[in-house]
């Protein structure tokens, strides 16, 4: 989706998409399954990368977080999977401008979740202790986050403004009437 209108049209269609009610399913724990979501957002089964995007999207729709663990759930089964960082990767961003409303940023994940940066879906930036580089995340659903892909974060940084906070200059971004801190300069 190269153009803004295509992205926003896609976002409109996905608002109609209904995710399974995983929060209301409480099956017994069935064990671990050898599925891993890598830091780069790719899904693996028994060490092999998933080849079908449709399968990844389907499984991501039945993913649930409990504490620090992730599970694929259905009405009758609950299987734990491994997640290296967070389960989603935000790979695209567009600015949504609606009449009589605050402008907002929309993010699309690799599994086609569309998330509006707002009070219910805040952004946080964590500094990597090894590289000292920022790692930005946005809350997607059910306590699960998406890491914002580096090129997308750079786009966001370009649109940020400077603001003094506690005597230090920070980059901040405004979205849906909220202000989010991207980090100190």
N, C-alpha and C. Protein backbone atom coordinates (compact mmCIF):
# COMPACT_ATOMS: atom_id res chain seq x y z
N UNK A 1 0.84 -1.18 0.00
CA UNK A 1 0.00 0.00 0.00
C UNK A 1 0.88 1.24 0.00
N UNK A 2 1.06 1.80 -1.17
CA UNK A 2 1.97 2.91 -1.28
C UNK A 2 1.32 4.25 -1.04
N UNK A 3 0.04 4.37 -1.29
CA UNK A 3 -0.57 5.69 -1.13
C UNK A 3 -1.41 5.77 0.13
N UNK A 4 -1.56 6.99 0.60
CA UNK A 4 -2.28 7.25 1.84
C UNK A 4 -3.72 6.79 1.74
N UNK A 5 -4.38 7.08 0.63
CA UNK A 5 -5.79 6.71 0.49
C UNK A 5 -5.98 5.20 0.53
N UNK A 6 -5.06 4.45 -0.06
CA UNK A 6 -5.15 2.99 -0.01
C UNK A 6 -5.01 2.47 1.40
N UNK A 7 -4.11 3.04 2.16
CA UNK A 7 -3.90 2.64 3.55
C UNK A 7 -5.16 2.94 4.37
N UNK A 8 -5.70 4.15 4.22
CA UNK A 8 -6.88 4.53 5.00
C UNK A 8 -8.11 3.72 4.60
N UNK A 9 -8.23 3.38 3.32
CA UNK A 9 -9.33 2.52 2.89
C UNK A 9 -9.19 1.14 3.52
N UNK A 10 -7.95 0.65 3.54
CA UNK A 10 -7.67 -0.64 4.17
C UNK A 10 -8.03 -0.57 5.65
N UNK A 11 -7.66 0.52 6.32
CA UNK A 11 -7.97 0.69 7.74
C UNK A 11 -9.48 0.69 7.95
N UNK A 12 -10.22 1.31 7.07
CA UNK A 12 -11.68 1.32 7.19
C UNK A 12 -12.28 -0.06 7.09
N UNK A 13 -11.76 -0.89 6.19
CA UNK A 13 -12.25 -2.25 6.03
C UNK A 13 -11.94 -3.09 7.27
N UNK A 14 -10.77 -2.89 7.84
CA UNK A 14 -10.38 -3.69 8.99
C UNK A 14 -11.12 -3.31 10.26
N UNK A 15 -11.67 -2.11 10.31
CA UNK A 15 -12.48 -1.73 11.47
C UNK A 15 -13.71 -2.63 11.56
N UNK A 16 -14.14 -3.11 10.40
CA UNK A 16 -15.29 -4.01 10.36
C UNK A 16 -14.92 -5.44 10.73
N UNK A 17 -13.63 -5.77 10.66
CA UNK A 17 -13.15 -7.12 10.95
C UNK A 17 -13.37 -7.45 12.41
N UNK A 18 -13.93 -8.59 12.66
CA UNK A 18 -14.18 -9.04 14.02
C UNK A 18 -13.15 -10.10 14.39
N UNK A 19 -12.47 -9.87 15.49
CA UNK A 19 -11.52 -10.85 16.00
C UNK A 19 -12.27 -11.84 16.89
N UNK A 20 -11.79 -13.06 16.98
CA UNK A 20 -12.43 -14.04 17.87
C UNK A 20 -12.40 -13.53 19.32
N UNK A 21 -13.39 -13.89 20.11
CA UNK A 21 -13.47 -13.41 21.50
C UNK A 21 -12.56 -14.21 22.44
N UNK A 22 -11.25 -14.18 22.19
CA UNK A 22 -10.30 -15.00 22.95
C UNK A 22 -10.33 -14.69 24.44
N UNK A 23 -10.68 -13.46 24.80
CA UNK A 23 -10.72 -13.10 26.23
C UNK A 23 -11.84 -13.82 26.97
N UNK A 24 -12.82 -14.32 26.25
CA UNK A 24 -13.92 -15.04 26.91
C UNK A 24 -13.75 -16.56 26.86
N UNK A 25 -12.69 -17.03 26.21
CA UNK A 25 -12.43 -18.46 26.13
C UNK A 25 -11.49 -18.85 27.27
N UNK A 26 -11.85 -19.89 28.02
CA UNK A 26 -11.04 -20.33 29.15
C UNK A 26 -10.84 -21.85 29.15
N UNK A 27 -10.21 -22.35 28.08
CA UNK A 27 -9.97 -23.80 28.03
C UNK A 27 -8.83 -24.20 28.97
N UNK A 28 -8.72 -25.49 29.21
CA UNK A 28 -7.61 -26.02 30.01
C UNK A 28 -6.32 -25.91 29.21
N UNK A 29 -5.22 -25.75 29.93
CA UNK A 29 -3.89 -25.68 29.31
C UNK A 29 -3.56 -27.04 28.72
N UNK A 30 -3.18 -27.07 27.44
CA UNK A 30 -2.88 -28.32 26.76
C UNK A 30 -1.39 -28.58 26.63
N UNK A 31 -0.56 -27.58 26.90
CA UNK A 31 0.88 -27.76 26.78
C UNK A 31 1.52 -26.74 25.87
N UNK A 32 2.79 -26.96 25.60
CA UNK A 32 3.56 -26.07 24.74
C UNK A 32 3.50 -26.58 23.31
N UNK A 33 3.53 -25.63 22.38
CA UNK A 33 3.64 -25.97 20.96
C UNK A 33 4.88 -25.26 20.44
N UNK A 34 5.60 -25.90 19.55
CA UNK A 34 6.86 -25.35 19.05
C UNK A 34 6.60 -24.27 17.99
N UNK A 35 6.03 -23.17 18.46
CA UNK A 35 5.84 -21.99 17.63
C UNK A 35 6.56 -20.85 18.34
N UNK A 36 7.31 -20.09 17.54
CA UNK A 36 8.08 -18.98 18.09
C UNK A 36 7.88 -17.76 17.21
N UNK A 37 7.65 -16.61 17.85
CA UNK A 37 7.61 -15.34 17.12
C UNK A 37 8.94 -14.66 17.39
N UNK A 38 9.73 -14.49 16.34
CA UNK A 38 11.06 -13.89 16.45
C UNK A 38 10.96 -12.38 16.66
N UNK A 39 12.05 -11.80 17.09
CA UNK A 39 12.12 -10.35 17.32
C UNK A 39 11.74 -9.57 16.06
N UNK A 40 12.04 -10.11 14.89
CA UNK A 40 11.75 -9.40 13.64
C UNK A 40 10.31 -9.61 13.16
N UNK A 41 9.47 -10.27 13.99
CA UNK A 41 8.06 -10.46 13.65
C UNK A 41 7.74 -11.71 12.87
N UNK A 42 8.75 -12.47 12.46
CA UNK A 42 8.50 -13.70 11.71
C UNK A 42 8.10 -14.83 12.65
N UNK A 43 7.18 -15.66 12.17
CA UNK A 43 6.68 -16.80 12.93
C UNK A 43 7.39 -18.06 12.45
N UNK A 44 7.74 -18.92 13.42
CA UNK A 44 8.42 -20.18 13.12
C UNK A 44 7.67 -21.33 13.78
N UNK A 45 7.64 -22.47 13.09
CA UNK A 45 7.10 -23.70 13.64
C UNK A 45 8.16 -24.78 13.47
N UNK A 46 8.55 -25.39 14.58
CA UNK A 46 9.59 -26.42 14.57
C UNK A 46 10.84 -25.94 13.82
N UNK A 47 11.20 -24.68 14.04
CA UNK A 47 12.40 -24.12 13.45
C UNK A 47 12.28 -23.62 12.02
N UNK A 48 11.15 -23.85 11.39
CA UNK A 48 10.95 -23.41 10.00
C UNK A 48 10.00 -22.22 9.98
N UNK A 49 10.35 -21.24 9.13
CA UNK A 49 9.54 -20.03 9.03
C UNK A 49 8.19 -20.35 8.37
N UNK A 50 7.13 -19.71 8.87
CA UNK A 50 5.82 -19.85 8.25
C UNK A 50 5.90 -19.29 6.83
N UNK A 51 5.37 -20.02 5.88
CA UNK A 51 5.40 -19.59 4.48
C UNK A 51 4.10 -18.92 4.05
N UNK A 52 3.04 -19.14 4.80
CA UNK A 52 1.73 -18.61 4.40
C UNK A 52 1.31 -17.48 5.34
N UNK A 53 1.22 -16.28 4.79
CA UNK A 53 0.80 -15.12 5.59
C UNK A 53 -0.59 -15.32 6.17
N UNK A 54 -1.46 -15.99 5.44
CA UNK A 54 -2.83 -16.20 5.92
C UNK A 54 -2.83 -17.00 7.21
N UNK A 55 -1.94 -17.97 7.33
CA UNK A 55 -1.86 -18.78 8.55
C UNK A 55 -1.34 -17.92 9.71
N UNK A 56 -0.34 -17.11 9.45
CA UNK A 56 0.19 -16.22 10.49
C UNK A 56 -0.91 -15.28 10.99
N UNK A 57 -1.66 -14.70 10.06
CA UNK A 57 -2.74 -13.78 10.43
C UNK A 57 -3.83 -14.50 11.23
N UNK A 58 -4.16 -15.71 10.81
CA UNK A 58 -5.18 -16.48 11.53
C UNK A 58 -4.72 -16.76 12.95
N UNK A 59 -3.50 -17.27 13.11
CA UNK A 59 -3.00 -17.59 14.45
C UNK A 59 -2.85 -16.34 15.31
N UNK A 60 -2.46 -15.23 14.71
CA UNK A 60 -2.33 -13.99 15.50
C UNK A 60 -3.68 -13.54 16.03
N UNK A 61 -4.75 -13.91 15.36
CA UNK A 61 -6.09 -13.50 15.81
C UNK A 61 -6.56 -14.30 17.03
N UNK A 62 -5.91 -15.43 17.31
CA UNK A 62 -6.29 -16.22 18.49
C UNK A 62 -5.18 -16.22 19.54
N UNK A 63 -4.33 -15.22 19.46
CA UNK A 63 -3.23 -15.06 20.41
C UNK A 63 -3.72 -14.29 21.63
N UNK A 64 -3.28 -14.74 22.80
CA UNK A 64 -3.64 -14.06 24.05
C UNK A 64 -2.42 -14.02 24.96
N UNK A 65 -2.31 -12.93 25.70
CA UNK A 65 -1.22 -12.76 26.66
C UNK A 65 -1.77 -12.93 28.06
N UNK A 66 -1.05 -13.73 28.86
CA UNK A 66 -1.38 -13.91 30.27
C UNK A 66 -0.09 -13.73 31.05
N UNK A 67 -0.01 -12.66 31.83
CA UNK A 67 1.24 -12.35 32.52
C UNK A 67 2.30 -12.05 31.48
N UNK A 68 3.41 -12.78 31.53
CA UNK A 68 4.48 -12.61 30.54
C UNK A 68 4.49 -13.72 29.50
N UNK A 69 3.44 -14.52 29.44
CA UNK A 69 3.39 -15.64 28.52
C UNK A 69 2.31 -15.43 27.47
N UNK A 70 2.52 -16.10 26.32
CA UNK A 70 1.60 -15.98 25.19
C UNK A 70 1.03 -17.35 24.86
N UNK A 71 -0.25 -17.36 24.51
CA UNK A 71 -0.96 -18.60 24.24
C UNK A 71 -1.80 -18.46 22.98
N UNK A 72 -1.89 -19.54 22.21
CA UNK A 72 -2.88 -19.66 21.16
C UNK A 72 -4.07 -20.34 21.82
N UNK A 73 -5.24 -19.72 21.72
CA UNK A 73 -6.41 -20.27 22.40
C UNK A 73 -7.57 -20.47 21.43
N UNK A 74 -8.34 -21.47 21.74
CA UNK A 74 -9.61 -21.73 21.05
C UNK A 74 -10.60 -22.04 22.16
N UNK A 75 -11.84 -22.25 21.84
CA UNK A 75 -12.78 -22.59 22.91
C UNK A 75 -12.41 -23.88 23.67
N UNK A 76 -11.60 -24.76 23.05
CA UNK A 76 -11.29 -26.05 23.70
C UNK A 76 -9.81 -26.30 23.97
N UNK A 77 -8.90 -25.47 23.43
CA UNK A 77 -7.47 -25.69 23.62
C UNK A 77 -6.75 -24.39 23.97
N UNK A 78 -5.66 -24.56 24.71
CA UNK A 78 -4.80 -23.44 25.07
C UNK A 78 -3.36 -23.94 25.04
N UNK A 79 -2.56 -23.38 24.09
CA UNK A 79 -1.19 -23.84 23.91
C UNK A 79 -0.22 -22.66 24.02
N UNK A 80 0.82 -22.85 24.82
CA UNK A 80 1.81 -21.80 25.02
C UNK A 80 2.79 -21.77 23.85
N UNK A 81 3.12 -20.54 23.40
CA UNK A 81 4.14 -20.35 22.37
C UNK A 81 5.22 -19.43 22.94
N UNK A 82 6.32 -19.31 22.22
CA UNK A 82 7.43 -18.45 22.65
C UNK A 82 7.43 -17.16 21.82
N UNK A 83 7.63 -16.05 22.50
CA UNK A 83 7.71 -14.75 21.84
C UNK A 83 9.01 -14.09 22.30
N UNK A 84 9.90 -13.79 21.36
CA UNK A 84 11.21 -13.25 21.72
C UNK A 84 11.14 -11.84 22.28
N UNK A 85 10.27 -11.02 21.77
CA UNK A 85 10.14 -9.63 22.24
C UNK A 85 8.66 -9.34 22.45
N UNK A 86 7.97 -8.98 21.39
CA UNK A 86 6.53 -8.78 21.41
C UNK A 86 5.96 -9.49 20.17
N UNK A 87 4.66 -9.79 20.17
CA UNK A 87 4.13 -10.61 19.08
C UNK A 87 3.88 -9.88 17.76
N UNK A 88 3.85 -8.56 17.78
CA UNK A 88 3.51 -7.84 16.56
C UNK A 88 4.63 -6.89 16.15
N UNK A 89 4.65 -6.56 14.87
CA UNK A 89 5.62 -5.62 14.32
C UNK A 89 4.84 -4.60 13.49
N UNK A 90 4.92 -3.32 13.87
CA UNK A 90 4.26 -2.25 13.11
C UNK A 90 5.15 -1.88 11.93
N UNK A 91 4.63 -2.12 10.72
CA UNK A 91 5.45 -1.98 9.52
C UNK A 91 5.06 -0.79 8.65
N UNK A 92 3.97 -0.12 9.00
CA UNK A 92 3.51 1.00 8.19
C UNK A 92 2.78 1.99 9.08
N UNK A 93 2.86 3.27 8.69
CA UNK A 93 2.20 4.32 9.45
C UNK A 93 1.64 5.35 8.48
N UNK A 94 0.48 5.88 8.81
CA UNK A 94 -0.11 6.99 8.05
C UNK A 94 -0.78 7.92 9.04
N UNK A 95 -0.91 9.17 8.64
CA UNK A 95 -1.62 10.13 9.48
C UNK A 95 -3.06 10.22 8.99
N UNK A 96 -3.97 10.10 9.93
CA UNK A 96 -5.40 10.17 9.64
C UNK A 96 -5.88 11.56 10.07
N UNK A 97 -6.55 12.24 9.17
CA UNK A 97 -7.10 13.55 9.50
C UNK A 97 -8.60 13.50 9.27
N UNK A 98 -9.34 13.64 10.33
CA UNK A 98 -10.80 13.61 10.23
C UNK A 98 -11.33 15.00 10.58
N UNK A 99 -12.38 15.45 9.91
CA UNK A 99 -12.94 16.76 10.24
C UNK A 99 -13.44 16.79 11.68
N UNK A 100 -13.22 17.92 12.33
CA UNK A 100 -13.69 18.14 13.70
C UNK A 100 -13.08 17.17 14.72
N UNK A 101 -11.96 16.55 14.39
CA UNK A 101 -11.29 15.66 15.32
C UNK A 101 -9.80 15.96 15.31
N UNK A 102 -9.11 15.48 16.34
CA UNK A 102 -7.66 15.61 16.36
C UNK A 102 -7.06 14.67 15.32
N UNK A 103 -5.98 15.10 14.71
CA UNK A 103 -5.26 14.21 13.79
C UNK A 103 -4.73 13.03 14.60
N UNK A 104 -4.64 11.90 13.95
CA UNK A 104 -4.14 10.70 14.64
C UNK A 104 -3.25 9.92 13.69
N UNK A 105 -2.33 9.17 14.28
CA UNK A 105 -1.48 8.29 13.51
C UNK A 105 -2.04 6.88 13.59
N UNK A 106 -2.07 6.21 12.43
CA UNK A 106 -2.51 4.83 12.34
C UNK A 106 -1.29 3.97 11.99
N UNK A 107 -1.21 2.82 12.64
CA UNK A 107 -0.12 1.89 12.37
C UNK A 107 -0.73 0.58 11.88
N UNK A 108 -0.07 -0.04 10.90
CA UNK A 108 -0.48 -1.36 10.42
C UNK A 108 0.60 -2.34 10.80
N UNK A 109 0.20 -3.46 11.39
CA UNK A 109 1.16 -4.49 11.76
C UNK A 109 1.34 -5.46 10.59
N UNK A 110 2.34 -6.30 10.71
CA UNK A 110 2.60 -7.31 9.69
C UNK A 110 1.46 -8.32 9.59
N UNK A 111 0.63 -8.39 10.63
CA UNK A 111 -0.53 -9.30 10.63
C UNK A 111 -1.83 -8.55 10.33
N UNK A 112 -1.70 -7.33 9.81
CA UNK A 112 -2.81 -6.49 9.36
C UNK A 112 -3.73 -5.98 10.47
N UNK A 113 -3.21 -5.87 11.69
CA UNK A 113 -3.95 -5.13 12.71
C UNK A 113 -3.73 -3.65 12.41
N UNK A 114 -4.78 -2.86 12.52
CA UNK A 114 -4.67 -1.41 12.37
C UNK A 114 -4.88 -0.81 13.76
N UNK A 115 -3.92 0.01 14.19
CA UNK A 115 -3.94 0.56 15.54
C UNK A 115 -3.81 2.08 15.46
N UNK A 116 -4.72 2.77 16.11
CA UNK A 116 -4.66 4.23 16.19
C UNK A 116 -3.87 4.59 17.44
N UNK A 117 -2.88 5.44 17.30
CA UNK A 117 -2.11 5.92 18.44
C UNK A 117 -2.99 6.88 19.21
N UNK A 118 -3.44 6.41 20.40
CA UNK A 118 -4.35 7.21 21.22
C UNK A 118 -4.21 6.79 22.68
N UNK A 119 -5.09 7.28 23.52
CA UNK A 119 -5.00 6.97 24.95
C UNK A 119 -5.16 5.47 25.22
N UNK A 120 -5.96 4.77 24.43
CA UNK A 120 -6.16 3.33 24.62
C UNK A 120 -5.04 2.50 24.01
N UNK A 121 -4.30 3.09 23.09
CA UNK A 121 -3.21 2.41 22.39
C UNK A 121 -1.97 3.31 22.45
N UNK A 122 -1.39 3.45 23.66
CA UNK A 122 -0.27 4.37 23.82
C UNK A 122 1.03 3.83 23.23
N UNK A 123 1.94 4.75 23.05
CA UNK A 123 3.27 4.46 22.58
C UNK A 123 4.22 4.57 23.75
N UNK A 124 5.20 3.67 23.80
CA UNK A 124 6.26 3.78 24.80
C UNK A 124 7.57 3.51 24.09
N UNK A 125 8.62 4.15 24.59
CA UNK A 125 9.95 3.96 24.01
C UNK A 125 10.87 3.47 25.11
N UNK A 126 11.48 2.34 24.86
CA UNK A 126 12.42 1.73 25.79
C UNK A 126 13.80 1.82 25.14
N UNK A 127 14.81 2.09 25.93
CA UNK A 127 16.17 2.16 25.39
C UNK A 127 16.83 0.80 25.56
N UNK A 128 17.35 0.26 24.44
CA UNK A 128 18.03 -1.02 24.46
C UNK A 128 19.30 -0.89 25.29
N UNK A 129 19.46 -1.73 26.33
CA UNK A 129 20.62 -1.60 27.22
C UNK A 129 21.95 -1.91 26.54
N UNK A 130 21.93 -2.69 25.47
CA UNK A 130 23.18 -3.06 24.79
C UNK A 130 23.55 -2.01 23.74
N UNK A 131 22.62 -1.71 22.84
CA UNK A 131 22.93 -0.79 21.73
C UNK A 131 22.68 0.67 22.09
N UNK A 132 21.95 0.91 23.17
CA UNK A 132 21.56 2.26 23.61
C UNK A 132 20.66 2.94 22.58
N UNK A 133 19.99 2.16 21.73
CA UNK A 133 19.08 2.70 20.73
C UNK A 133 17.65 2.58 21.22
N UNK A 134 16.78 3.48 20.75
CA UNK A 134 15.38 3.42 21.18
C UNK A 134 14.67 2.21 20.57
N UNK A 135 13.79 1.60 21.38
CA UNK A 135 12.91 0.52 20.91
C UNK A 135 11.48 0.98 21.19
N UNK A 136 10.78 1.46 20.15
CA UNK A 136 9.42 1.96 20.34
C UNK A 136 8.38 0.85 20.21
N UNK A 137 7.34 0.95 21.04
CA UNK A 137 6.24 -0.03 21.04
C UNK A 137 4.91 0.70 21.10
N UNK A 138 3.88 0.08 20.53
CA UNK A 138 2.52 0.58 20.63
C UNK A 138 1.64 -0.58 21.09
N UNK A 139 0.71 -0.28 22.00
CA UNK A 139 -0.22 -1.30 22.49
C UNK A 139 -1.23 -1.62 21.39
N UNK A 140 -1.38 -2.90 21.08
CA UNK A 140 -2.29 -3.33 20.01
C UNK A 140 -3.63 -3.77 20.60
N UNK A 141 -3.60 -4.84 21.39
CA UNK A 141 -4.84 -5.36 22.00
C UNK A 141 -4.49 -6.38 23.07
N UNK A 142 -5.37 -6.50 24.04
CA UNK A 142 -5.21 -7.53 25.07
C UNK A 142 -3.88 -7.50 25.79
N UNK A 143 -3.30 -6.33 25.99
CA UNK A 143 -2.01 -6.23 26.66
C UNK A 143 -0.83 -6.58 25.76
N UNK A 144 -1.09 -6.83 24.49
CA UNK A 144 -0.02 -7.20 23.55
C UNK A 144 0.41 -5.97 22.76
N UNK A 145 1.72 -5.89 22.55
CA UNK A 145 2.28 -4.73 21.86
C UNK A 145 2.87 -5.10 20.51
N UNK A 146 3.07 -4.06 19.71
CA UNK A 146 3.83 -4.17 18.47
C UNK A 146 5.08 -3.31 18.62
N UNK A 147 6.21 -3.86 18.22
CA UNK A 147 7.41 -3.04 18.13
C UNK A 147 7.30 -2.27 16.82
N UNK A 148 7.57 -0.98 16.88
CA UNK A 148 7.49 -0.15 15.68
C UNK A 148 8.80 -0.32 14.91
N UNK A 149 8.67 -0.81 13.68
CA UNK A 149 9.82 -1.07 12.82
C UNK A 149 10.64 0.21 12.67
N UNK A 150 11.95 0.07 12.68
CA UNK A 150 12.86 1.22 12.69
C UNK A 150 12.53 2.27 11.61
N UNK A 151 12.33 1.90 10.33
CA UNK A 151 12.02 2.93 9.33
C UNK A 151 10.72 3.69 9.65
N UNK A 152 9.75 2.99 10.22
CA UNK A 152 8.49 3.63 10.59
C UNK A 152 8.72 4.59 11.75
N UNK A 153 9.54 4.20 12.70
CA UNK A 153 9.86 5.08 13.82
C UNK A 153 10.58 6.34 13.32
N UNK A 154 11.47 6.18 12.36
CA UNK A 154 12.16 7.35 11.80
C UNK A 154 11.17 8.30 11.14
N UNK A 155 10.16 7.77 10.48
CA UNK A 155 9.11 8.62 9.90
C UNK A 155 8.42 9.41 11.01
N UNK A 156 8.12 8.75 12.11
CA UNK A 156 7.46 9.39 13.23
C UNK A 156 8.35 10.48 13.83
N UNK A 157 9.63 10.18 13.98
CA UNK A 157 10.57 11.16 14.53
C UNK A 157 10.63 12.41 13.66
N UNK A 158 10.58 12.24 12.33
CA UNK A 158 10.60 13.39 11.42
C UNK A 158 9.41 14.31 11.64
N UNK A 159 8.29 13.76 12.09
CA UNK A 159 7.08 14.55 12.31
C UNK A 159 6.96 15.09 13.73
N UNK A 160 7.90 14.71 14.58
CA UNK A 160 7.84 15.10 15.99
C UNK A 160 8.22 16.57 16.17
N UNK A 161 7.85 17.07 17.34
CA UNK A 161 8.23 18.43 17.71
C UNK A 161 9.04 18.36 19.00
N UNK A 162 9.80 19.41 19.27
CA UNK A 162 10.60 19.46 20.48
C UNK A 162 9.78 20.09 21.61
N UNK A 163 9.96 19.54 22.80
CA UNK A 163 9.27 20.06 23.98
C UNK A 163 10.18 19.87 25.18
N UNK A 164 10.21 20.87 26.04
CA UNK A 164 11.03 20.78 27.24
C UNK A 164 10.22 20.08 28.33
N UNK A 165 10.82 19.02 28.91
CA UNK A 165 10.19 18.26 29.98
C UNK A 165 11.21 18.06 31.09
N UNK A 166 10.83 18.49 32.29
CA UNK A 166 11.73 18.36 33.44
C UNK A 166 13.13 18.90 33.14
N UNK A 167 13.16 20.03 32.44
CA UNK A 167 14.42 20.68 32.15
C UNK A 167 15.22 20.05 31.03
N UNK A 168 14.67 19.06 30.35
CA UNK A 168 15.38 18.37 29.28
C UNK A 168 14.55 18.43 28.01
N UNK A 169 15.22 18.57 26.87
CA UNK A 169 14.54 18.63 25.59
C UNK A 169 14.17 17.22 25.11
N UNK A 170 12.88 17.04 24.76
CA UNK A 170 12.37 15.75 24.29
C UNK A 170 11.73 15.92 22.93
N UNK A 171 11.66 14.85 22.18
CA UNK A 171 10.84 14.80 20.97
C UNK A 171 9.50 14.22 21.36
N UNK A 172 8.42 14.88 20.94
CA UNK A 172 7.08 14.40 21.25
C UNK A 172 6.24 14.41 19.98
N UNK A 173 5.21 13.58 19.98
CA UNK A 173 4.29 13.50 18.86
C UNK A 173 2.87 13.60 19.39
N UNK A 174 2.02 14.30 18.68
CA UNK A 174 0.61 14.45 19.07
C UNK A 174 -0.24 13.56 18.18
N UNK A 175 -1.15 12.81 18.82
CA UNK A 175 -2.03 11.92 18.08
C UNK A 175 -3.32 11.75 18.87
N UNK A 176 -4.44 11.94 18.21
CA UNK A 176 -5.77 11.74 18.80
C UNK A 176 -5.93 12.51 20.11
N UNK A 177 -5.40 13.73 20.16
CA UNK A 177 -5.55 14.57 21.33
C UNK A 177 -4.60 14.24 22.48
N UNK A 178 -3.68 13.33 22.29
CA UNK A 178 -2.72 12.92 23.31
C UNK A 178 -1.30 13.28 22.83
N UNK A 179 -0.41 13.46 23.77
CA UNK A 179 1.00 13.72 23.46
C UNK A 179 1.83 12.55 23.94
N UNK A 180 2.69 12.03 23.06
CA UNK A 180 3.53 10.87 23.37
C UNK A 180 5.00 11.25 23.25
N UNK A 181 5.77 10.82 24.24
CA UNK A 181 7.19 11.13 24.34
C UNK A 181 8.00 10.10 23.56
N UNK A 182 8.80 10.58 22.60
CA UNK A 182 9.66 9.69 21.82
C UNK A 182 11.04 9.55 22.42
N UNK A 183 11.35 10.41 23.39
CA UNK A 183 12.65 10.30 24.05
C UNK A 183 13.37 11.63 24.14
N UNK A 184 14.36 11.65 25.02
CA UNK A 184 15.16 12.85 25.24
C UNK A 184 16.14 13.04 24.09
N UNK A 185 16.43 14.29 23.80
CA UNK A 185 17.43 14.60 22.76
C UNK A 185 18.82 14.62 23.38
